[in-house]
Amino acid sequence: MRVLTVLLVLGMSLGAQEAAAPPAPLAHFHHLHLNSTDPAAALDFYPAKFNAEKAKFMGTLDGVWAQKSWIFASKVAAPPPSAIESAIWHFGWGAEDMKATYQKQLDMGTKFDTPIVELFPNFFYAYVAGPDGALIELNTARHHDFGHLHLLSEDPVAAGEWYSKHFGATIRSVQKEVRYIREHPVGPSSSLMMDNVNIIIYPVEYARYVWKDHWKPGVKFAPTKGRVVDHIGFSVDNLDQTIARLKAAGVKVTDEPRSVFNGKLKIAFIEGPDYIRIELVEGHAKKE
């Protein structure tokens, strides 16, 4: 049973940091990149079900524009692995009236992996069964936009610090102690913001509790490359400078910078915490 996403600020006071002007971000959230046996159908799914629209990136690549970032899909010959075995657990949209949104989805024929659950008074969530096994959360929020990416980690606090240090993600909260909700281990944890996307990081113990048959002690995360969510993308102002900075900090660069789209765009790939594949794109995400 795939349960329990809690979008809570867990009470860390930032003290004097709150009063200081925040530094300019080192990166912005750019995209999610999926694998699909039918990319056209997968990309049709998201704007049909959620607040998003079809668009072309750089006038060439088909994608879905979701407020401030993109969703892309690559063609694969066989169904991509979608079991919860990598550090990318799911992604999701908000809903101002979750009960009404859930009923609307049912009326549209949307299939759910997990039906609506009331986790706390007036806080509801449900998991949509997306194309190719992608897991998509709908949860109570103040908006109905693409809103979060939920990760798992061997060390959620260190992972959160990594995204903050190397990419300037804003730390919303940190829970350093072990914490449980309905017997599910949800702490230690981190919650960060990158533009309008909340990156939530739970402990791998959550997976070991919910999916006991697979996540036995000692089982390592599968790399995200080749799975239904292949990688996430961040955009930076200067790719070469960013890669040099990351190399100096010991970050693993898996694909050196190269040009694509006839030289119009530069990209590179690095490895993030828990074998998450991260694409770095030069230039901010925008809808053409």
C-alpha atoms as a PDB file:
ATOM      1  CA  MET A   1       0.000   0.000   0.000  1.00  0.00           C
ATOM      2  CA  ARG A   2       1.443   3.319  -1.048  1.00  0.00           C
ATOM      3  CA  VAL A   3       0.413   5.752   1.661  1.00  0.00           C
ATOM      4  CA  LEU A   4       1.244   8.848   3.619  1.00  0.00           C
ATOM      5  CA  THR A   5       2.648  11.937   2.042  1.00  0.00           C
ATOM      6  CA  VAL A   6       2.749  14.743   4.550  1.00  0.00           C
ATOM      7  CA  LEU A   7       3.397  18.214   3.222  1.00  0.00           C
ATOM      8  CA  LEU A   8       4.182  19.747   6.562  1.00  0.00           C
ATOM      9  CA  VAL A   9       6.603  22.351   7.763  1.00  0.00           C
ATOM     10  CA  LEU A  10       8.230  20.393  10.550  1.00  0.00           C
ATOM     11  CA  GLY A  11       9.134  23.316  12.733  1.00  0.00           C
ATOM     12  CA  MET A  12      12.727  24.286  12.099  1.00  0.00           C
ATOM     13  CA  SER A  13      13.337  27.948  12.877  1.00  0.00           C
ATOM     14  CA  LEU A  14      15.838  29.603  10.604  1.00  0.00           C
ATOM     15  CA  GLY A  15      16.497  32.359  13.114  1.00  0.00           C
ATOM     16  CA  ALA A  16      18.569  35.214  11.748  1.00  0.00           C
ATOM     17  CA  GLN A  17      18.517  33.701   8.257  1.00  0.00           C
ATOM     18  CA  GLU A  18      14.848  34.628   7.966  1.00  0.00           C
ATOM     19  CA  ALA A  19      15.638  38.302   8.378  1.00  0.00           C
ATOM     20  CA  ALA A  20      18.445  38.345   5.829  1.00  0.00           C
ATOM     21  CA  ALA A  21      17.727  38.816   2.138  1.00  0.00           C
ATOM     22  CA  PRO A  22      17.929  35.407   0.450  1.00  0.00           C
ATOM     23  CA  PRO A  23      20.836  34.933  -1.945  1.00  0.00           C
ATOM     24  CA  ALA A  24      20.167  34.569  -5.642  1.00  0.00           C
ATOM     25  CA  PRO A  25      19.321  30.928  -6.419  1.00  0.00           C
ATOM     26  CA  LEU A  26      22.079  28.857  -7.973  1.00  0.00           C
ATOM     27  CA  ALA A  27      19.552  26.929 -10.060  1.00  0.00           C
ATOM     28  CA  HIS A  28      15.883  26.648 -10.956  1.00  0.00           C
ATOM     29  CA  PHE A  29      13.617  23.632 -11.322  1.00  0.00           C
ATOM     30  CA  HIS A  30      13.477  22.901 -15.053  1.00  0.00           C
ATOM     31  CA  HIS A  31      11.824  19.543 -15.781  1.00  0.00           C
ATOM     32  CA  LEU A  32      10.851  15.982 -15.035  1.00  0.00           C
ATOM     33  CA  HIS A  33      11.901  13.517 -17.719  1.00  0.00           C
ATOM     34  CA  LEU A  34       9.894  10.307 -18.027  1.00  0.00           C
ATOM     35  CA  ASN A  35      10.324   7.101 -19.992  1.00  0.00           C
ATOM     36  CA  SER A  36       7.298   5.735 -21.827  1.00  0.00           C
ATOM     37  CA  THR A  37       6.343   3.076 -24.345  1.00  0.00           C
ATOM     38  CA  ASP A  38       3.961   5.682 -25.838  1.00  0.00           C
ATOM     39  CA  PRO A  39       5.318   9.191 -25.183  1.00  0.00           C
ATOM     40  CA  ALA A  40       2.543  10.943 -27.124  1.00  0.00           C
ATOM     41  CA  ALA A  41      -0.158   9.280 -25.028  1.00  0.00           C
ATOM     42  CA  ALA A  42       1.783   9.943 -21.825  1.00  0.00           C
ATOM     43  CA  LEU A  43       2.123  13.638 -22.625  1.00  0.00           C
ATOM     44  CA  ASP A  44      -1.588  13.835 -23.510  1.00  0.00           C
ATOM     45  CA  PHE A  45      -2.447  12.384 -20.091  1.00  0.00           C
ATOM     46  CA  TYR A  46      -1.095  15.192 -17.917  1.00  0.00           C
ATOM     47  CA  PRO A  47      -2.940  18.211 -19.379  1.00  0.00           C
ATOM     48  CA  ALA A  48      -6.111  16.097 -19.605  1.00  0.00           C
ATOM     49  CA  LYS A  49      -6.009  15.341 -15.879  1.00  0.00           C
ATOM     50  CA  PHE A  50      -4.130  18.202 -14.213  1.00  0.00           C
ATOM     51  CA  ASN A  51      -3.379  21.897 -14.483  1.00  0.00           C
ATOM     52  CA  ALA A  52      -0.861  21.753 -17.353  1.00  0.00           C
ATOM     53  CA  GLU A  53      -0.752  22.289 -21.119  1.00  0.00           C
ATOM     54  CA  LYS A  54       0.882  20.763 -24.170  1.00  0.00           C
ATOM     55  CA  ALA A  55       3.731  22.831 -25.614  1.00  0.00           C
ATOM     56  CA  LYS A  56       7.008  22.514 -27.508  1.00  0.00           C
ATOM     57  CA  PHE A  57      10.356  23.107 -25.865  1.00  0.00           C
ATOM     58  CA  MET A  58      12.715  25.177 -28.011  1.00  0.00           C
ATOM     59  CA  GLY A  59      10.075  24.843 -30.718  1.00  0.00           C
ATOM     60  CA  THR A  60      11.185  21.246 -31.268  1.00  0.00           C
ATOM     61  CA  LEU A  61      10.617  18.841 -28.402  1.00  0.00           C
ATOM     62  CA  ASP A  62       7.074  17.866 -27.410  1.00  0.00           C
ATOM     63  CA  GLY A  63       6.411  18.408 -23.741  1.00  0.00           C
ATOM     64  CA  VAL A  64       3.969  19.494 -21.067  1.00  0.00           C
ATOM     65  CA  TRP A  65       4.275  22.927 -19.485  1.00  0.00           C
ATOM     66  CA  ALA A  66       3.209  22.934 -15.829  1.00  0.00           C
ATOM     67  CA  GLN A  67       3.243  26.550 -14.564  1.00  0.00           C
ATOM     68  CA  LYS A  68       7.025  27.084 -14.345  1.00  0.00           C
ATOM     69  CA  SER A  69       8.599  23.833 -15.482  1.00  0.00           C
ATOM     70  CA  TRP A  70       8.419  21.056 -18.066  1.00  0.00           C
ATOM     71  CA  ILE A  71       7.564  17.374 -18.312  1.00  0.00           C
ATOM     72  CA  PHE A  72       9.193  15.413 -21.144  1.00  0.00           C
ATOM     73  CA  ALA A  73       8.916  11.758 -22.167  1.00  0.00           C
ATOM     74  CA  SER A  74      11.310   9.551 -24.126  1.00  0.00           C
ATOM     75  CA  LYS A  75      10.336   6.477 -26.127  1.00  0.00           C
ATOM     76  CA  VAL A  76      11.411   3.106 -24.712  1.00  0.00           C
ATOM     77  CA  ALA A  77      10.773  -0.330 -26.208  1.00  0.00           C
ATOM     78  CA  ALA A  78       9.692  -2.081 -23.001  1.00  0.00           C
ATOM     79  CA  PRO A  79       7.704  -0.798 -20.007  1.00  0.00           C
ATOM     80  CA  PRO A  80      10.111   1.092 -17.748  1.00  0.00           C
ATOM     81  CA  PRO A  81      10.519  -0.105 -14.148  1.00  0.00           C
ATOM     82  CA  SER A  82       8.079   1.738 -11.903  1.00  0.00           C
ATOM     83  CA  ALA A  83       8.224  -0.122  -8.588  1.00  0.00           C
ATOM     84  CA  ILE A  84       9.344   1.987  -5.633  1.00  0.00           C
ATOM     85  CA  GLU A  85      12.986   0.965  -5.868  1.00  0.00           C
ATOM     86  CA  SER A  86      14.672   4.278  -6.653  1.00  0.00           C
ATOM     87  CA  ALA A  87      14.971   7.488  -4.669  1.00  0.00           C
ATOM     88  CA  ILE A  88      12.263   9.199  -6.761  1.00  0.00           C
ATOM     89  CA  TRP A  89       9.016   8.144  -5.118  1.00  0.00           C
ATOM     90  CA  HIS A  90       6.373  10.293  -6.849  1.00  0.00           C
ATOM     91  CA  PHE A  91       5.420  13.791  -8.003  1.00  0.00           C
ATOM     92  CA  GLY A  92       2.162  15.646  -7.612  1.00  0.00           C
ATOM     93  CA  TRP A  93      -0.371  18.416  -8.004  1.00  0.00           C
ATOM     94  CA  GLY A  94      -2.351  20.329  -5.398  1.00  0.00           C
ATOM     95  CA  ALA A  95      -6.119  20.578  -4.945  1.00  0.00           C
ATOM     96  CA  GLU A  96      -7.965  23.342  -3.105  1.00  0.00           C
ATOM     97  CA  ASP A  97     -10.986  21.068  -2.593  1.00  0.00           C
ATOM     98  CA  MET A  98      -9.571  17.565  -2.547  1.00  0.00           C
ATOM     99  CA  LYS A  99     -12.916  15.788  -2.166  1.00  0.00           C
ATOM    100  CA  ALA A 100     -14.377  17.591  -5.188  1.00  0.00           C
ATOM    101  CA  THR A 101     -11.177  17.079  -7.195  1.00  0.00           C
ATOM    102  CA  TYR A 102     -11.143  13.371  -6.406  1.00  0.00           C
ATOM    103  CA  GLN A 103     -14.759  12.970  -7.511  1.00  0.00           C
ATOM    104  CA  LYS A 104     -14.061  14.926 -10.700  1.00  0.00           C
ATOM    105  CA  GLN A 105     -11.163  12.607 -11.468  1.00  0.00           C
ATOM    106  CA  LEU A 106     -13.357   9.567 -10.895  1.00  0.00           C
ATOM    107  CA  ASP A 107     -15.976  11.023 -13.216  1.00  0.00           C
ATOM    108  CA  MET A 108     -13.247  11.413 -15.877  1.00  0.00           C
ATOM    109  CA  GLY A 109     -12.346   7.748 -15.524  1.00  0.00           C
ATOM    110  CA  THR A 110      -9.034   8.360 -13.754  1.00  0.00           C
ATOM    111  CA  LYS A 111      -7.635   5.218 -12.137  1.00  0.00           C
ATOM    112  CA  PHE A 112      -6.167   5.488  -8.663  1.00  0.00           C
ATOM    113  CA  ASP A 113      -3.382   3.455  -7.126  1.00  0.00           C
ATOM    114  CA  THR A 114      -4.526   4.670  -3.695  1.00  0.00           C
ATOM    115  CA  PRO A 115      -8.073   6.046  -3.166  1.00  0.00           C
ATOM    116  CA  ILE A 116      -8.611   9.233  -1.201  1.00  0.00           C
ATOM    117  CA  VAL A 117      -7.337   9.153   2.387  1.00  0.00           C
ATOM    118  CA  GLU A 118      -7.861  11.699   5.152  1.00  0.00           C
ATOM    119  CA  LEU A 119      -4.484  11.851   6.865  1.00  0.00           C
ATOM    120  CA  PHE A 120      -5.340  14.718   9.210  1.00  0.00           C
ATOM    121  CA  PRO A 121      -8.552  16.735   9.641  1.00  0.00           C
ATOM    122  CA  ASN A 122      -9.140  18.510   6.314  1.00  0.00           C
ATOM    123  CA  PHE A 123      -5.955  17.131   4.740  1.00  0.00           C
ATOM    124  CA  PHE A 124      -6.567  14.528   2.048  1.00  0.00           C
ATOM    125  CA  TYR A 125      -4.415  12.776  -0.521  1.00  0.00           C
ATOM    126  CA  ALA A 126      -4.726  10.111  -3.203  1.00  0.00           C
ATOM    127  CA  TYR A 127      -2.365   8.547  -5.736  1.00  0.00           C
ATOM    128  CA  VAL A 128      -3.241   8.531  -9.428  1.00  0.00           C
ATOM    129  CA  ALA A 129      -2.008   5.560 -11.458  1.00  0.00           C
ATOM    130  CA  GLY A 130      -0.259   7.398 -14.291  1.00  0.00           C
ATOM    131  CA  PRO A 131       1.071   6.259 -17.662  1.00  0.00           C
ATOM    132  CA  ASP A 132       3.739   3.550 -17.549  1.00  0.00           C
ATOM    133  CA  GLY A 133       3.245   3.120 -13.826  1.00  0.00           C
ATOM    134  CA  ALA A 134       4.124   6.683 -12.839  1.00  0.00           C
ATOM    135  CA  LEU A 135       2.802   7.518  -9.383  1.00  0.00           C
ATOM    136  CA  ILE A 136       1.142  10.956  -9.171  1.00  0.00           C
ATOM    137  CA  GLU A 137      -0.192  12.432  -5.954  1.00  0.00           C
ATOM    138  CA  LEU A 138      -3.130  14.757  -5.534  1.00  0.00           C
ATOM    139  CA  ASN A 139      -3.260  16.393  -2.119  1.00  0.00           C
ATOM    140  CA  THR A 140      -4.945  19.197  -0.239  1.00  0.00           C
ATOM    141  CA  ALA A 141      -3.193  22.486  -1.025  1.00  0.00           C
ATOM    142  CA  ARG A 142      -3.842  26.180  -1.587  1.00  0.00           C
ATOM    143  CA  HIS A 143      -3.442  25.700  -5.343  1.00  0.00           C
ATOM    144  CA  HIS A 144      -4.092  23.160  -8.107  1.00  0.00           C
ATOM    145  CA  ASP A 145      -0.658  23.409  -9.728  1.00  0.00           C
ATOM    146  CA  PHE A 146       2.249  21.042 -10.167  1.00  0.00           C
ATOM    147  CA  GLY A 147       3.578  21.347  -6.674  1.00  0.00           C
ATOM    148  CA  HIS A 148       5.958  18.730  -5.371  1.00  0.00           C
ATOM    149  CA  LEU A 149       8.526  16.020  -5.892  1.00  0.00           C
ATOM    150  CA  HIS A 150       8.801  13.396  -3.174  1.00  0.00           C
ATOM    151  CA  LEU A 151      12.096  11.586  -2.705  1.00  0.00           C
ATOM    152  CA  LEU A 152      13.468   8.860  -0.445  1.00  0.00           C
ATOM    153  CA  SER A 153      16.984   8.871   0.964  1.00  0.00           C
ATOM    154  CA  GLU A 154      19.445   6.952   3.092  1.00  0.00           C
ATOM    155  CA  ASP A 155      20.120  10.297   4.819  1.00  0.00           C
ATOM    156  CA  PRO A 156      17.323  12.831   4.209  1.00  0.00           C
ATOM    157  CA  VAL A 157      19.016  15.603   6.176  1.00  0.00           C
ATOM    158  CA  ALA A 158      22.303  15.295   4.268  1.00  0.00           C
ATOM    159  CA  ALA A 159      20.412  15.022   0.962  1.00  0.00           C
ATOM    160  CA  GLY A 160      18.514  18.224   1.726  1.00  0.00           C
ATOM    161  CA  GLU A 161      21.744  19.987   2.594  1.00  0.00           C
ATOM    162  CA  TRP A 162      23.236  18.773  -0.707  1.00  0.00           C
ATOM    163  CA  TYR A 163      20.453  20.376  -2.784  1.00  0.00           C
ATOM    164  CA  SER A 164      20.721  23.546  -0.742  1.00  0.00           C
ATOM    165  CA  LYS A 165      24.512  23.776  -0.927  1.00  0.00           C
ATOM    166  CA  HIS A 166      24.973  22.982  -4.619  1.00  0.00           C
ATOM    167  CA  PHE A 167      21.795  24.468  -6.111  1.00  0.00           C
ATOM    168  CA  GLY A 168      20.496  26.988  -3.610  1.00  0.00           C
ATOM    169  CA  ALA A 169      17.244  25.171  -2.827  1.00  0.00           C
ATOM    170  CA  THR A 170      15.573  26.936   0.095  1.00  0.00           C
ATOM    171  CA  ILE A 171      15.305  24.795   3.202  1.00  0.00           C
ATOM    172  CA  ARG A 172      11.769  24.998   4.611  1.00  0.00           C
ATOM    173  CA  SER A 173      12.207  22.511   7.408  1.00  0.00           C
ATOM    174  CA  VAL A 174      14.479  19.800   8.736  1.00  0.00           C
ATOM    175  CA  GLN A 175      13.468  16.987  11.073  1.00  0.00           C
ATOM    176  CA  LYS A 176      16.612  15.352  12.465  1.00  0.00           C
ATOM    177  CA  GLU A 177      14.912  12.971  14.857  1.00  0.00           C
ATOM    178  CA  VAL A 178      13.124   9.729  14.054  1.00  0.00           C
ATOM    179  CA  ARG A 179       9.418  10.497  13.656  1.00  0.00           C
ATOM    180  CA  TYR A 180       6.345   8.367  12.945  1.00  0.00           C
ATOM    181  CA  ILE A 181       2.888   9.037  11.575  1.00  0.00           C
ATOM    182  CA  ARG A 182       0.502   6.111  11.966  1.00  0.00           C
ATOM    183  CA  GLU A 183       3.495   3.829  12.542  1.00  0.00           C
ATOM    184  CA  HIS A 184       5.125   4.972   9.300  1.00  0.00           C
ATOM    185  CA  PRO A 185       8.683   6.358   9.688  1.00  0.00           C
ATOM    186  CA  VAL A 186       8.633   9.874   8.202  1.00  0.00           C
ATOM    187  CA  GLY A 187      11.656  11.340   9.943  1.00  0.00           C
ATOM    188  CA  PRO A 188      14.446  12.253   9.678  1.00  0.00           C
ATOM    189  CA  SER A 189      13.266  14.355   6.756  1.00  0.00           C
ATOM    190  CA  SER A 190      13.902  17.511   4.778  1.00  0.00           C
ATOM    191  CA  SER A 191      11.604  19.882   2.929  1.00  0.00           C
ATOM    192  CA  LEU A 192      12.989  22.343   0.378  1.00  0.00           C
ATOM    193  CA  MET A 193      11.641  24.762  -2.193  1.00  0.00           C
ATOM    194  CA  MET A 194      13.029  25.269  -5.677  1.00  0.00           C
ATOM    195  CA  ASP A 195      10.876  27.928  -7.325  1.00  0.00           C
ATOM    196  CA  ASN A 196       7.305  26.615  -6.942  1.00  0.00           C
ATOM    197  CA  VAL A 197       8.305  22.969  -6.439  1.00  0.00           C
ATOM    198  CA  ASN A 198       8.477  21.518  -2.943  1.00  0.00           C
ATOM    199  CA  ILE A 199      11.156  18.812  -2.747  1.00  0.00           C
ATOM    200  CA  ILE A 200      10.291  16.523   0.172  1.00  0.00           C
ATOM    201  CA  ILE A 201      12.763  13.881   1.313  1.00  0.00           C
ATOM    202  CA  TYR A 202      11.728  10.944   3.511  1.00  0.00           C
ATOM    203  CA  PRO A 203      13.924   8.217   5.031  1.00  0.00           C
ATOM    204  CA  VAL A 204      14.388   4.930   3.195  1.00  0.00           C
ATOM    205  CA  GLU A 205      12.983   3.307   6.348  1.00  0.00           C
ATOM    206  CA  TYR A 206       9.577   4.413   5.077  1.00  0.00           C
ATOM    207  CA  ALA A 207      10.031   2.171   2.050  1.00  0.00           C
ATOM    208  CA  ARG A 208      11.334  -0.648   4.208  1.00  0.00           C
ATOM    209  CA  TYR A 209       8.167  -0.405   6.309  1.00  0.00           C
ATOM    210  CA  VAL A 210       5.625  -0.142   3.482  1.00  0.00           C
ATOM    211  CA  TRP A 211       7.297  -2.437   0.922  1.00  0.00           C
ATOM    212  CA  LYS A 212       8.799  -4.991   3.301  1.00  0.00           C
ATOM    213  CA  ASP A 213       9.227  -7.739   0.708  1.00  0.00           C
ATOM    214  CA  HIS A 214      11.673  -5.684  -1.340  1.00  0.00           C
ATOM    215  CA  TRP A 215      13.213  -3.100   0.976  1.00  0.00           C
ATOM    216  CA  LYS A 216      15.042  -5.344   3.379  1.00  0.00           C
ATOM    217  CA  PRO A 217      18.018  -3.926   5.291  1.00  0.00           C
ATOM    218  CA  GLY A 218      21.026  -3.610   3.016  1.00  0.00           C
ATOM    219  CA  VAL A 219      19.017  -3.163  -0.205  1.00  0.00           C
ATOM    220  CA  LYS A 220      20.391  -0.195  -2.125  1.00  0.00           C
ATOM    221  CA  PHE A 221      18.538   2.325  -4.260  1.00  0.00           C
ATOM    222  CA  ALA A 222      18.298   1.548  -7.948  1.00  0.00           C
ATOM    223  CA  PRO A 223      19.685   4.349 -10.166  1.00  0.00           C
ATOM    224  CA  THR A 224      16.844   6.387 -11.646  1.00  0.00           C
ATOM    225  CA  LYS A 225      18.214   6.187 -15.202  1.00  0.00           C
ATOM    226  CA  GLY A 226      15.955   3.999 -17.328  1.00  0.00           C
ATOM    227  CA  ARG A 227      13.054   4.018 -14.869  1.00  0.00           C
ATOM    228  CA  VAL A 228       9.636   5.625 -15.380  1.00  0.00           C
ATOM    229  CA  VAL A 229      11.001   8.868 -13.885  1.00  0.00           C
ATOM    230  CA  ASP A 230      14.400   8.838 -15.529  1.00  0.00           C
ATOM    231  CA  HIS A 231      15.736  12.092 -14.153  1.00  0.00           C
ATOM    232  CA  ILE A 232      15.000  15.581 -12.937  1.00  0.00           C
ATOM    233  CA  GLY A 233      16.332  18.754 -14.540  1.00  0.00           C
ATOM    234  CA  PHE A 234      17.665  21.983 -13.061  1.00  0.00           C
ATOM    235  CA  SER A 235      18.546  25.088 -15.051  1.00  0.00           C
ATOM    236  CA  VAL A 236      21.613  27.248 -14.437  1.00  0.00           C
ATOM    237  CA  ASP A 237      22.854  30.510 -15.919  1.00  0.00           C
ATOM    238  CA  ASN A 238      26.305  29.262 -16.919  1.00  0.00           C
ATOM    239  CA  LEU A 239      26.712  25.519 -17.393  1.00  0.00           C
ATOM    240  CA  ASP A 240      30.497  25.398 -17.741  1.00  0.00           C
ATOM    241  CA  GLN A 241      31.024  27.410 -14.576  1.00  0.00           C
ATOM    242  CA  THR A 242      28.480  25.283 -12.715  1.00  0.00           C
ATOM    243  CA  ILE A 243      30.143  22.031 -13.780  1.00  0.00           C
ATOM    244  CA  ALA A 244      33.548  23.350 -12.737  1.00  0.00           C
ATOM    245  CA  ARG A 245      32.140  24.373  -9.343  1.00  0.00           C
ATOM    246  CA  LEU A 246      30.464  20.999  -8.822  1.00  0.00           C
ATOM    247  CA  LYS A 247      33.576  19.052  -9.817  1.00  0.00           C
ATOM    248  CA  ALA A 248      35.631  21.063  -7.346  1.00  0.00           C
ATOM    249  CA  ALA A 249      33.087  20.128  -4.662  1.00  0.00           C
ATOM    250  CA  GLY A 250      33.380  16.428  -5.522  1.00  0.00           C
ATOM    251  CA  VAL A 251      30.034  16.029  -7.282  1.00  0.00           C
ATOM    252  CA  LYS A 252      30.041  13.185  -9.835  1.00  0.00           C
ATOM    253  CA  VAL A 253      29.586  14.412 -13.421  1.00  0.00           C
ATOM    254  CA  THR A 254      28.280  11.535 -15.537  1.00  0.00           C
ATOM    255  CA  ASP A 255      27.873  13.387 -18.858  1.00  0.00           C
ATOM    256  CA  GLU A 256      30.100  16.341 -19.721  1.00  0.00           C
ATOM    257  CA  PRO A 257      28.517  19.486 -21.215  1.00  0.00           C
ATOM    258  CA  ARG A 258      27.397  19.177 -24.807  1.00  0.00           C
ATOM    259  CA  SER A 259      25.272  21.147 -27.242  1.00  0.00           C
ATOM    260  CA  VAL A 260      21.863  19.971 -28.497  1.00  0.00           C
ATOM    261  CA  PHE A 261      19.142  21.397 -30.740  1.00  0.00           C
ATOM    262  CA  ASN A 262      21.707  22.480 -33.342  1.00  0.00           C
ATOM    263  CA  GLY A 263      23.780  24.323 -30.781  1.00  0.00           C
ATOM    264  CA  LYS A 264      20.876  26.234 -29.243  1.00  0.00           C
ATOM    265  CA  LEU A 265      21.137  24.550 -25.846  1.00  0.00           C
ATOM    266  CA  LYS A 266      23.849  23.167 -23.583  1.00  0.00           C
ATOM    267  CA  ILE A 267      23.228  20.279 -21.179  1.00  0.00           C
ATOM    268  CA  ALA A 268      25.139  17.986 -18.832  1.00  0.00           C
ATOM    269  CA  PHE A 269      24.287  15.263 -16.324  1.00  0.00           C
ATOM    270  CA  ILE A 270      25.387  14.691 -12.744  1.00  0.00           C
ATOM    271  CA  GLU A 271      24.586  12.144 -10.068  1.00  0.00           C
ATOM    272  CA  GLY A 272      22.687  13.401  -7.041  1.00  0.00           C
ATOM    273  CA  PRO A 273      22.148  11.773  -3.647  1.00  0.00           C
ATOM    274  CA  ASP A 274      20.936   8.163  -3.715  1.00  0.00           C
ATOM    275  CA  TYR A 275      21.739   7.715  -7.436  1.00  0.00           C
ATOM    276  CA  ILE A 276      19.280  10.307  -8.735  1.00  0.00           C
ATOM    277  CA  ARG A 277      20.144  11.357 -12.280  1.00  0.00           C
ATOM    278  CA  ILE A 278      20.067  15.147 -12.658  1.00  0.00           C
ATOM    279  CA  GLU A 279      20.244  17.022 -15.931  1.00  0.00           C
ATOM    280  CA  LEU A 280      21.654  20.541 -15.912  1.00  0.00           C
ATOM    281  CA  VAL A 281      20.322  22.867 -18.596  1.00  0.00           C
ATOM    282  CA  GLU A 282      21.756  26.261 -19.441  1.00  0.00           C
ATOM    283  CA  GLY A 283      19.009  28.878 -19.360  1.00  0.00           C
ATOM    284  CA  HIS A 284      15.743  29.199 -17.470  1.00  0.00           C
ATOM    285  CA  ALA A 285      12.651  27.129 -18.209  1.00  0.00           C
ATOM    286  CA  LYS A 286      10.085  29.016 -20.241  1.00  0.00           C
ATOM    287  CA  LYS A 287       7.188  28.297 -22.544  1.00  0.00           C
ATOM    288  CA  GLU A 288       7.984  29.318 -26.107  1.00  0.00           C
END
